[in-house]
mmCIF file of all heavy atoms, coordinates in Angstrom:
data_MODEL
# 
_entry.id   MODEL 
# 
loop_
_atom_site.group_PDB 
_atom_site.id 
_atom_site.type_symbol 
_atom_site.label_atom_id 
_atom_site.label_alt_id 
_atom_site.label_comp_id 
_atom_site.label_asym_id 
_atom_site.label_entity_id 
_atom_site.label_seq_id 
_atom_site.pdbx_PDB_ins_code 
_atom_site.Cartn_x 
_atom_site.Cartn_y 
_atom_site.Cartn_z 
_atom_site.occupancy 
_atom_site.B_iso_or_equiv 
_atom_site.pdbx_formal_charge 
_atom_site.auth_seq_id 
_atom_site.auth_comp_id 
_atom_site.auth_asym_id 
_atom_site.auth_atom_id 
_atom_site.pdbx_PDB_model_num 
ATOM 1   N N   . PHE A 1 1  ? -13.382 9.263   7.547   1.00 0.00 ? 1  PHE A N   1 
ATOM 2   C CA  . PHE A 1 1  ? -12.111 9.834   7.188   1.00 0.00 ? 1  PHE A CA  1 
ATOM 3   C C   . PHE A 1 1  ? -10.901 8.940   7.623   1.00 0.00 ? 1  PHE A C   1 
ATOM 4   O O   . PHE A 1 1  ? -10.040 8.706   6.777   1.00 0.00 ? 1  PHE A O   1 
ATOM 5   C CB  . PHE A 1 1  ? -11.948 11.197  7.905   1.00 0.00 ? 1  PHE A CB  1 
ATOM 6   C CG  . PHE A 1 1  ? -10.616 11.881  7.662   1.00 0.00 ? 1  PHE A CG  1 
ATOM 7   C CD1 . PHE A 1 1  ? -10.293 12.328  6.423   1.00 0.00 ? 1  PHE A CD1 1 
ATOM 8   C CD2 . PHE A 1 1  ? -9.664  11.981  8.673   1.00 0.00 ? 1  PHE A CD2 1 
ATOM 9   C CE1 . PHE A 1 1  ? -9.010  12.945  6.240   1.00 0.00 ? 1  PHE A CE1 1 
ATOM 10  C CE2 . PHE A 1 1  ? -8.606  12.679  8.558   1.00 0.00 ? 1  PHE A CE2 1 
ATOM 11  C CZ  . PHE A 1 1  ? -8.171  13.144  7.294   1.00 0.00 ? 1  PHE A CZ  1 
ATOM 12  N N   . GLU A 1 2  ? -10.960 8.473   8.866   1.00 0.00 ? 2  GLU A N   1 
ATOM 13  C CA  . GLU A 1 2  ? -9.905  7.530   9.317   1.00 0.00 ? 2  GLU A CA  1 
ATOM 14  C C   . GLU A 1 2  ? -9.745  6.251   8.448   1.00 0.00 ? 2  GLU A C   1 
ATOM 15  O O   . GLU A 1 2  ? -8.768  5.856   8.034   1.00 0.00 ? 2  GLU A O   1 
ATOM 16  C CB  . GLU A 1 2  ? -10.101 7.153   10.690  1.00 0.00 ? 2  GLU A CB  1 
ATOM 17  C CG  . GLU A 1 2  ? -9.126  6.279   11.285  1.00 0.00 ? 2  GLU A CG  1 
ATOM 18  C CD  . GLU A 1 2  ? -9.409  5.882   12.837  1.00 0.00 ? 2  GLU A CD  1 
ATOM 19  O OE1 . GLU A 1 2  ? -10.489 6.224   13.299  1.00 0.00 ? 2  GLU A OE1 1 
ATOM 20  O OE2 . GLU A 1 2  ? -8.458  5.264   13.436  1.00 0.00 ? 2  GLU A OE2 1 
ATOM 21  N N   . ARG A 1 3  ? -10.965 5.707   8.087   1.00 0.00 ? 3  ARG A N   1 
ATOM 22  C CA  . ARG A 1 3  ? -10.880 4.508   7.163   1.00 0.00 ? 3  ARG A CA  1 
ATOM 23  C C   . ARG A 1 3  ? -10.256 4.840   5.854   1.00 0.00 ? 3  ARG A C   1 
ATOM 24  O O   . ARG A 1 3  ? -9.599  4.002   5.221   1.00 0.00 ? 3  ARG A O   1 
ATOM 25  C CB  . ARG A 1 3  ? -12.354 3.985   7.099   1.00 0.00 ? 3  ARG A CB  1 
ATOM 26  C CG  . ARG A 1 3  ? -12.359 2.578   6.511   1.00 0.00 ? 3  ARG A CG  1 
ATOM 27  C CD  . ARG A 1 3  ? -13.718 1.916   6.681   1.00 0.00 ? 3  ARG A CD  1 
ATOM 28  N NE  . ARG A 1 3  ? -14.803 2.604   6.218   1.00 0.00 ? 3  ARG A NE  1 
ATOM 29  C CZ  . ARG A 1 3  ? -15.860 3.141   6.930   1.00 0.00 ? 3  ARG A CZ  1 
ATOM 30  N NH1 . ARG A 1 3  ? -15.708 3.114   8.261   1.00 0.00 ? 3  ARG A NH1 1 
ATOM 31  N NH2 . ARG A 1 3  ? -16.807 3.809   6.436   1.00 0.00 ? 3  ARG A NH2 1 
ATOM 32  N N   . SER A 1 4  ? -10.533 6.118   5.280   1.00 0.00 ? 4  SER A N   1 
ATOM 33  C CA  . SER A 1 4  ? -9.966  6.544   3.967   1.00 0.00 ? 4  SER A CA  1 
ATOM 34  C C   . SER A 1 4  ? -8.437  6.613   4.085   1.00 0.00 ? 4  SER A C   1 
ATOM 35  O O   . SER A 1 4  ? -7.751  6.221   3.215   1.00 0.00 ? 4  SER A O   1 
ATOM 36  C CB  . SER A 1 4  ? -10.580 7.767   3.437   1.00 0.00 ? 4  SER A CB  1 
ATOM 37  O OG  . SER A 1 4  ? -11.940 7.646   3.339   1.00 0.00 ? 4  SER A OG  1 
ATOM 38  N N   . LEU A 1 5  ? -8.035  7.188   5.162   1.00 0.00 ? 5  LEU A N   1 
ATOM 39  C CA  . LEU A 1 5  ? -6.526  7.246   5.450   1.00 0.00 ? 5  LEU A CA  1 
ATOM 40  C C   . LEU A 1 5  ? -5.912  5.878   5.472   1.00 0.00 ? 5  LEU A C   1 
ATOM 41  O O   . LEU A 1 5  ? -4.690  5.600   4.951   1.00 0.00 ? 5  LEU A O   1 
ATOM 42  C CB  . LEU A 1 5  ? -6.258  8.066   6.697   1.00 0.00 ? 5  LEU A CB  1 
ATOM 43  C CG  . LEU A 1 5  ? -6.493  9.540   6.693   1.00 0.00 ? 5  LEU A CG  1 
ATOM 44  C CD1 . LEU A 1 5  ? -6.269  10.113  8.102   1.00 0.00 ? 5  LEU A CD1 1 
ATOM 45  C CD2 . LEU A 1 5  ? -5.699  10.325  5.631   1.00 0.00 ? 5  LEU A CD2 1 
ATOM 46  N N   . ILE A 1 6  ? -6.442  5.017   6.240   1.00 0.00 ? 6  ILE A N   1 
ATOM 47  C CA  . ILE A 1 6  ? -5.913  3.665   6.248   1.00 0.00 ? 6  ILE A CA  1 
ATOM 48  C C   . ILE A 1 6  ? -5.975  3.067   4.897   1.00 0.00 ? 6  ILE A C   1 
ATOM 49  O O   . ILE A 1 6  ? -4.884  2.333   4.546   1.00 0.00 ? 6  ILE A O   1 
ATOM 50  C CB  . ILE A 1 6  ? -6.756  2.713   7.205   1.00 0.00 ? 6  ILE A CB  1 
ATOM 51  C CG1 . ILE A 1 6  ? -6.650  3.216   8.660   1.00 0.00 ? 6  ILE A CG1 1 
ATOM 52  C CG2 . ILE A 1 6  ? -6.428  1.369   7.182   1.00 0.00 ? 6  ILE A CG2 1 
ATOM 53  C CD1 . ILE A 1 6  ? -7.526  2.726   9.720   1.00 0.00 ? 6  ILE A CD1 1 
ATOM 54  N N   . ARG A 1 7  ? -6.914  3.191   4.123   1.00 0.00 ? 7  ARG A N   1 
ATOM 55  C CA  . ARG A 1 7  ? -6.925  2.629   2.746   1.00 0.00 ? 7  ARG A CA  1 
ATOM 56  C C   . ARG A 1 7  ? -5.856  3.239   1.934   1.00 0.00 ? 7  ARG A C   1 
ATOM 57  O O   . ARG A 1 7  ? -5.144  2.515   1.164   1.00 0.00 ? 7  ARG A O   1 
ATOM 58  C CB  . ARG A 1 7  ? -8.299  2.893   2.152   1.00 0.00 ? 7  ARG A CB  1 
ATOM 59  C CG  . ARG A 1 7  ? -8.550  2.186   0.779   1.00 0.00 ? 7  ARG A CG  1 
ATOM 60  C CD  . ARG A 1 7  ? -9.977  2.427   0.184   1.00 0.00 ? 7  ARG A CD  1 
ATOM 61  N NE  . ARG A 1 7  ? -10.967 2.328   1.078   1.00 0.00 ? 7  ARG A NE  1 
ATOM 62  C CZ  . ARG A 1 7  ? -11.920 3.221   1.366   1.00 0.00 ? 7  ARG A CZ  1 
ATOM 63  N NH1 . ARG A 1 7  ? -11.834 4.373   0.819   1.00 0.00 ? 7  ARG A NH1 1 
ATOM 64  N NH2 . ARG A 1 7  ? -12.792 3.077   2.194   1.00 0.00 ? 7  ARG A NH2 1 
ATOM 65  N N   . GLU A 1 8  ? -5.634  4.641   1.958   1.00 0.00 ? 8  GLU A N   1 
ATOM 66  C CA  . GLU A 1 8  ? -4.622  5.210   1.219   1.00 0.00 ? 8  GLU A CA  1 
ATOM 67  C C   . GLU A 1 8  ? -3.229  4.680   1.586   1.00 0.00 ? 8  GLU A C   1 
ATOM 68  O O   . GLU A 1 8  ? -2.252  4.480   0.800   1.00 0.00 ? 8  GLU A O   1 
ATOM 69  C CB  . GLU A 1 8  ? -4.718  6.783   1.330   1.00 0.00 ? 8  GLU A CB  1 
ATOM 70  C CG  . GLU A 1 8  ? -5.781  7.369   0.668   1.00 0.00 ? 8  GLU A CG  1 
ATOM 71  C CD  . GLU A 1 8  ? -5.908  8.866   0.984   1.00 0.00 ? 8  GLU A CD  1 
ATOM 72  O OE1 . GLU A 1 8  ? -4.984  9.454   1.463   1.00 0.00 ? 8  GLU A OE1 1 
ATOM 73  O OE2 . GLU A 1 8  ? -6.961  9.479   0.572   1.00 0.00 ? 8  GLU A OE2 1 
ATOM 74  N N   . ARG A 1 9  ? -3.000  4.596   2.974   1.00 0.00 ? 9  ARG A N   1 
ATOM 75  C CA  . ARG A 1 9  ? -1.641  4.146   3.456   1.00 0.00 ? 9  ARG A CA  1 
ATOM 76  C C   . ARG A 1 9  ? -1.388  2.657   3.001   1.00 0.00 ? 9  ARG A C   1 
ATOM 77  O O   . ARG A 1 9  ? -0.310  2.378   2.628   1.00 0.00 ? 9  ARG A O   1 
ATOM 78  C CB  . ARG A 1 9  ? -1.624  4.240   5.011   1.00 0.00 ? 9  ARG A CB  1 
ATOM 79  C CG  . ARG A 1 9  ? -1.607  5.612   5.559   1.00 0.00 ? 9  ARG A CG  1 
ATOM 80  C CD  . ARG A 1 9  ? -1.470  5.604   7.040   1.00 0.00 ? 9  ARG A CD  1 
ATOM 81  N NE  . ARG A 1 9  ? -1.747  6.950   7.593   1.00 0.00 ? 9  ARG A NE  1 
ATOM 82  C CZ  . ARG A 1 9  ? -2.583  7.109   8.518   1.00 0.00 ? 9  ARG A CZ  1 
ATOM 83  N NH1 . ARG A 1 9  ? -3.110  6.209   9.229   1.00 0.00 ? 9  ARG A NH1 1 
ATOM 84  N NH2 . ARG A 1 9  ? -2.747  8.404   8.967   1.00 0.00 ? 9  ARG A NH2 1 
ATOM 85  N N   . THR A 1 10 ? -2.404  1.870   3.075   1.00 0.00 ? 10 THR A N   1 
ATOM 86  C CA  . THR A 1 10 ? -2.251  0.551   2.631   1.00 0.00 ? 10 THR A CA  1 
ATOM 87  C C   . THR A 1 10 ? -1.823  0.417   1.177   1.00 0.00 ? 10 THR A C   1 
ATOM 88  O O   . THR A 1 10 ? -0.945  -0.239  0.822   1.00 0.00 ? 10 THR A O   1 
ATOM 89  C CB  . THR A 1 10 ? -3.508  -0.405  2.906   1.00 0.00 ? 10 THR A CB  1 
ATOM 90  O OG1 . THR A 1 10 ? -3.877  -0.197  4.259   1.00 0.00 ? 10 THR A OG1 1 
ATOM 91  C CG2 . THR A 1 10 ? -3.366  -1.765  2.430   1.00 0.00 ? 10 THR A CG2 1 
ATOM 92  N N   . LYS A 1 11 ? -2.601  1.255   0.331   1.00 0.00 ? 11 LYS A N   1 
ATOM 93  C CA  . LYS A 1 11 ? -2.305  1.343   -1.135  1.00 0.00 ? 11 LYS A CA  1 
ATOM 94  C C   . LYS A 1 11 ? -0.834  1.746   -1.427  1.00 0.00 ? 11 LYS A C   1 
ATOM 95  O O   . LYS A 1 11 ? -0.133  1.253   -2.215  1.00 0.00 ? 11 LYS A O   1 
ATOM 96  C CB  . LYS A 1 11 ? -3.361  2.215   -1.749  1.00 0.00 ? 11 LYS A CB  1 
ATOM 97  C CG  . LYS A 1 11 ? -3.243  2.036   -3.288  1.00 0.00 ? 11 LYS A CG  1 
ATOM 98  C CD  . LYS A 1 11 ? -4.387  2.892   -3.855  1.00 0.00 ? 11 LYS A CD  1 
ATOM 99  C CE  . LYS A 1 11 ? -4.408  2.913   -5.402  1.00 0.00 ? 11 LYS A CE  1 
ATOM 100 N NZ  . LYS A 1 11 ? -5.452  3.697   -6.076  1.00 0.00 ? 11 LYS A NZ  1 
ATOM 101 N N   . ALA A 1 12 ? -0.494  2.842   -0.579  1.00 0.00 ? 12 ALA A N   1 
ATOM 102 C CA  . ALA A 1 12 ? 0.886   3.352   -0.763  1.00 0.00 ? 12 ALA A CA  1 
ATOM 103 C C   . ALA A 1 12 ? 1.896   2.306   -0.455  1.00 0.00 ? 12 ALA A C   1 
ATOM 104 O O   . ALA A 1 12 ? 2.932   2.206   -1.017  1.00 0.00 ? 12 ALA A O   1 
ATOM 105 C CB  . ALA A 1 12 ? 1.087   4.677   -0.006  1.00 0.00 ? 12 ALA A CB  1 
ATOM 106 N N   . GLY A 1 13 ? 1.710   1.585   0.595   1.00 0.00 ? 13 GLY A N   1 
ATOM 107 C CA  . GLY A 1 13 ? 2.703   0.574   1.078   1.00 0.00 ? 13 GLY A CA  1 
ATOM 108 C C   . GLY A 1 13 ? 2.803   -0.549  0.020   1.00 0.00 ? 13 GLY A C   1 
ATOM 109 O O   . GLY A 1 13 ? 3.856   -1.016  -0.240  1.00 0.00 ? 13 GLY A O   1 
ATOM 110 N N   . LEU A 1 14 ? 1.623   -1.001  -0.565  1.00 0.00 ? 14 LEU A N   1 
ATOM 111 C CA  . LEU A 1 14 ? 1.631   -2.026  -1.507  1.00 0.00 ? 14 LEU A CA  1 
ATOM 112 C C   . LEU A 1 14 ? 2.442   -1.525  -2.797  1.00 0.00 ? 14 LEU A C   1 
ATOM 113 O O   . LEU A 1 14 ? 3.157   -2.321  -3.410  1.00 0.00 ? 14 LEU A O   1 
ATOM 114 C CB  . LEU A 1 14 ? 0.263   -2.449  -1.891  1.00 0.00 ? 14 LEU A CB  1 
ATOM 115 C CG  . LEU A 1 14 ? -0.464  -3.235  -0.881  1.00 0.00 ? 14 LEU A CG  1 
ATOM 116 C CD1 . LEU A 1 14 ? -2.002  -3.483  -1.272  1.00 0.00 ? 14 LEU A CD1 1 
ATOM 117 C CD2 . LEU A 1 14 ? 0.162   -4.498  -0.675  1.00 0.00 ? 14 LEU A CD2 1 
ATOM 118 N N   . GLU A 1 15 ? 2.173   -0.255  -3.207  1.00 0.00 ? 15 GLU A N   1 
ATOM 119 C CA  . GLU A 1 15 ? 2.838   0.299   -4.407  1.00 0.00 ? 15 GLU A CA  1 
ATOM 120 C C   . GLU A 1 15 ? 4.383   0.343   -4.133  1.00 0.00 ? 15 GLU A C   1 
ATOM 121 O O   . GLU A 1 15 ? 5.233   0.159   -4.933  1.00 0.00 ? 15 GLU A O   1 
ATOM 122 C CB  . GLU A 1 15 ? 2.331   1.642   -4.745  1.00 0.00 ? 15 GLU A CB  1 
ATOM 123 C CG  . GLU A 1 15 ? 0.948   1.572   -5.388  1.00 0.00 ? 15 GLU A CG  1 
ATOM 124 C CD  . GLU A 1 15 ? 0.250   2.907   -5.595  1.00 0.00 ? 15 GLU A CD  1 
ATOM 125 O OE1 . GLU A 1 15 ? 0.821   3.891   -5.146  1.00 0.00 ? 15 GLU A OE1 1 
ATOM 126 O OE2 . GLU A 1 15 ? -0.830  2.942   -6.049  1.00 0.00 ? 15 GLU A OE2 1 
ATOM 127 N N   . ALA A 1 16 ? 4.790   0.816   -2.867  1.00 0.00 ? 16 ALA A N   1 
ATOM 128 C CA  . ALA A 1 16 ? 6.197   0.881   -2.636  1.00 0.00 ? 16 ALA A CA  1 
ATOM 129 C C   . ALA A 1 16 ? 6.879   -0.512  -2.527  1.00 0.00 ? 16 ALA A C   1 
ATOM 130 O O   . ALA A 1 16 ? 8.047   -0.654  -3.024  1.00 0.00 ? 16 ALA A O   1 
ATOM 131 C CB  . ALA A 1 16 ? 6.342   1.498   -1.138  1.00 0.00 ? 16 ALA A CB  1 
ATOM 132 N N   . ALA A 1 17 ? 6.173   -1.495  -2.003  1.00 0.00 ? 17 ALA A N   1 
ATOM 133 C CA  . ALA A 1 17 ? 6.770   -2.904  -2.056  1.00 0.00 ? 17 ALA A CA  1 
ATOM 134 C C   . ALA A 1 17 ? 6.860   -3.307  -3.548  1.00 0.00 ? 17 ALA A C   1 
ATOM 135 O O   . ALA A 1 17 ? 7.863   -3.963  -3.771  1.00 0.00 ? 17 ALA A O   1 
ATOM 136 C CB  . ALA A 1 17 ? 5.795   -3.746  -1.275  1.00 0.00 ? 17 ALA A CB  1 
ATOM 137 N N   . LYS A 1 18 ? 5.860   -3.025  -4.372  1.00 0.00 ? 18 LYS A N   1 
ATOM 138 C CA  . LYS A 1 18 ? 5.944   -3.478  -5.759  1.00 0.00 ? 18 LYS A CA  1 
ATOM 139 C C   . LYS A 1 18 ? 7.069   -2.721  -6.412  1.00 0.00 ? 18 LYS A C   1 
ATOM 140 O O   . LYS A 1 18 ? 7.808   -3.303  -7.259  1.00 0.00 ? 18 LYS A O   1 
ATOM 141 C CB  . LYS A 1 18 ? 4.713   -3.176  -6.418  1.00 0.00 ? 18 LYS A CB  1 
ATOM 142 C CG  . LYS A 1 18 ? 4.518   -3.623  -7.844  1.00 0.00 ? 18 LYS A CG  1 
ATOM 143 C CD  . LYS A 1 18 ? 3.176   -3.451  -8.342  1.00 0.00 ? 18 LYS A CD  1 
ATOM 144 C CE  . LYS A 1 18 ? 3.026   -4.044  -9.801  1.00 0.00 ? 18 LYS A CE  1 
ATOM 145 N NZ  . LYS A 1 18 ? 1.694   -3.883  -10.406 1.00 0.00 ? 18 LYS A NZ  1 
ATOM 146 N N   . ALA A 1 19 ? 7.444   -1.559  -6.241  1.00 0.00 ? 19 ALA A N   1 
ATOM 147 C CA  . ALA A 1 19 ? 8.479   -0.747  -6.811  1.00 0.00 ? 19 ALA A CA  1 
ATOM 148 C C   . ALA A 1 19 ? 9.759   -1.325  -6.291  1.00 0.00 ? 19 ALA A C   1 
ATOM 149 O O   . ALA A 1 19 ? 10.732  -1.242  -7.112  1.00 0.00 ? 19 ALA A O   1 
ATOM 150 C CB  . ALA A 1 19 ? 8.412   0.689   -6.325  1.00 0.00 ? 19 ALA A CB  1 
ATOM 151 N N   . GLN A 1 20 ? 9.860   -1.928  -5.242  1.00 0.00 ? 20 GLN A N   1 
ATOM 152 C CA  . GLN A 1 20 ? 11.117  -2.541  -4.746  1.00 0.00 ? 20 GLN A CA  1 
ATOM 153 C C   . GLN A 1 20 ? 11.251  -3.960  -5.225  1.00 0.00 ? 20 GLN A C   1 
ATOM 154 O O   . GLN A 1 20 ? 12.169  -4.739  -4.791  1.00 0.00 ? 20 GLN A O   1 
ATOM 155 C CB  . GLN A 1 20 ? 11.148  -2.541  -3.172  1.00 0.00 ? 20 GLN A CB  1 
ATOM 156 C CG  . GLN A 1 20 ? 11.262  -1.145  -2.513  1.00 0.00 ? 20 GLN A CG  1 
ATOM 157 C CD  . GLN A 1 20 ? 11.051  -1.190  -0.979  1.00 0.00 ? 20 GLN A CD  1 
ATOM 158 O OE1 . GLN A 1 20 ? 10.915  -2.204  -0.447  1.00 0.00 ? 20 GLN A OE1 1 
ATOM 159 N NE2 . GLN A 1 20 ? 11.141  -0.100  -0.425  1.00 0.00 ? 20 GLN A NE2 1 
ATOM 160 N N   . GLY A 1 21 ? 10.251  -4.472  -5.919  1.00 0.00 ? 21 GLY A N   1 
ATOM 161 C CA  . GLY A 1 21 ? 10.370  -5.778  -6.580  1.00 0.00 ? 21 GLY A CA  1 
ATOM 162 C C   . GLY A 1 21 ? 9.705   -6.899  -5.822  1.00 0.00 ? 21 GLY A C   1 
ATOM 163 O O   . GLY A 1 21 ? 9.745   -8.116  -6.136  1.00 0.00 ? 21 GLY A O   1 
ATOM 164 N N   . ARG A 1 22 ? 8.996   -6.455  -4.666  1.00 0.00 ? 22 ARG A N   1 
ATOM 165 C CA  . ARG A 1 22 ? 8.404   -7.591  -3.955  1.00 0.00 ? 22 ARG A CA  1 
ATOM 166 C C   . ARG A 1 22 ? 6.959   -7.738  -4.423  1.00 0.00 ? 22 ARG A C   1 
ATOM 167 O O   . ARG A 1 22 ? 6.253   -6.805  -4.808  1.00 0.00 ? 22 ARG A O   1 
ATOM 168 C CB  . ARG A 1 22 ? 8.409   -7.098  -2.434  1.00 0.00 ? 22 ARG A CB  1 
ATOM 169 C CG  . ARG A 1 22 ? 9.675   -7.183  -1.771  1.00 0.00 ? 22 ARG A CG  1 
ATOM 170 C CD  . ARG A 1 22 ? 9.704   -6.912  -0.366  1.00 0.00 ? 22 ARG A CD  1 
ATOM 171 N NE  . ARG A 1 22 ? 9.438   -5.383  -0.256  1.00 0.00 ? 22 ARG A NE  1 
ATOM 172 C CZ  . ARG A 1 22 ? 9.188   -4.686  0.901   1.00 0.00 ? 22 ARG A CZ  1 
ATOM 173 N NH1 . ARG A 1 22 ? 9.104   -5.426  1.995   1.00 0.00 ? 22 ARG A NH1 1 
ATOM 174 N NH2 . ARG A 1 22 ? 8.971   -3.492  0.890   1.00 0.00 ? 22 ARG A NH2 1 
ATOM 175 N N   . THR A 1 23 ? 6.462   -8.893  -4.406  1.00 0.00 ? 23 THR A N   1 
ATOM 176 C CA  . THR A 1 23 ? 5.117   -9.201  -4.870  1.00 0.00 ? 23 THR A CA  1 
ATOM 177 C C   . THR A 1 23 ? 4.384   -9.882  -3.711  1.00 0.00 ? 23 THR A C   1 
ATOM 178 O O   . THR A 1 23 ? 4.946   -10.584 -2.960  1.00 0.00 ? 23 THR A O   1 
ATOM 179 C CB  . THR A 1 23 ? 4.980   -9.991  -6.146  1.00 0.00 ? 23 THR A CB  1 
ATOM 180 O OG1 . THR A 1 23 ? 5.737   -11.272 -5.949  1.00 0.00 ? 23 THR A OG1 1 
ATOM 181 C CG2 . THR A 1 23 ? 5.633   -9.143  -7.268  1.00 0.00 ? 23 THR A CG2 1 
ATOM 182 N N   . GLY A 1 24 ? 3.108   -9.628  -3.693  1.00 0.00 ? 24 GLY A N   1 
ATOM 183 C CA  . GLY A 1 24 ? 2.238   -10.419 -2.587  1.00 0.00 ? 24 GLY A CA  1 
ATOM 184 C C   . GLY A 1 24 ? 1.768   -11.761 -3.171  1.00 0.00 ? 24 GLY A C   1 
ATOM 185 O O   . GLY A 1 24 ? 1.944   -12.095 -4.316  1.00 0.00 ? 24 GLY A O   1 
ATOM 186 N N   . GLY A 1 25 ? 1.047   -12.237 -2.315  1.00 0.00 ? 25 GLY A N   1 
ATOM 187 C CA  . GLY A 1 25 ? 0.347   -13.626 -2.650  1.00 0.00 ? 25 GLY A CA  1 
ATOM 188 C C   . GLY A 1 25 ? 1.178   -14.747 -2.379  1.00 0.00 ? 25 GLY A C   1 
ATOM 189 O O   . GLY A 1 25 ? 2.272   -14.716 -1.936  1.00 0.00 ? 25 GLY A O   1 
# 
């Protein structure tokens, strides 16, 4: 369960960064 929460938070953080115009890599 904890690992699933971490995965969801990471995904949400990446989506928020993308919405702000930031890209990774």
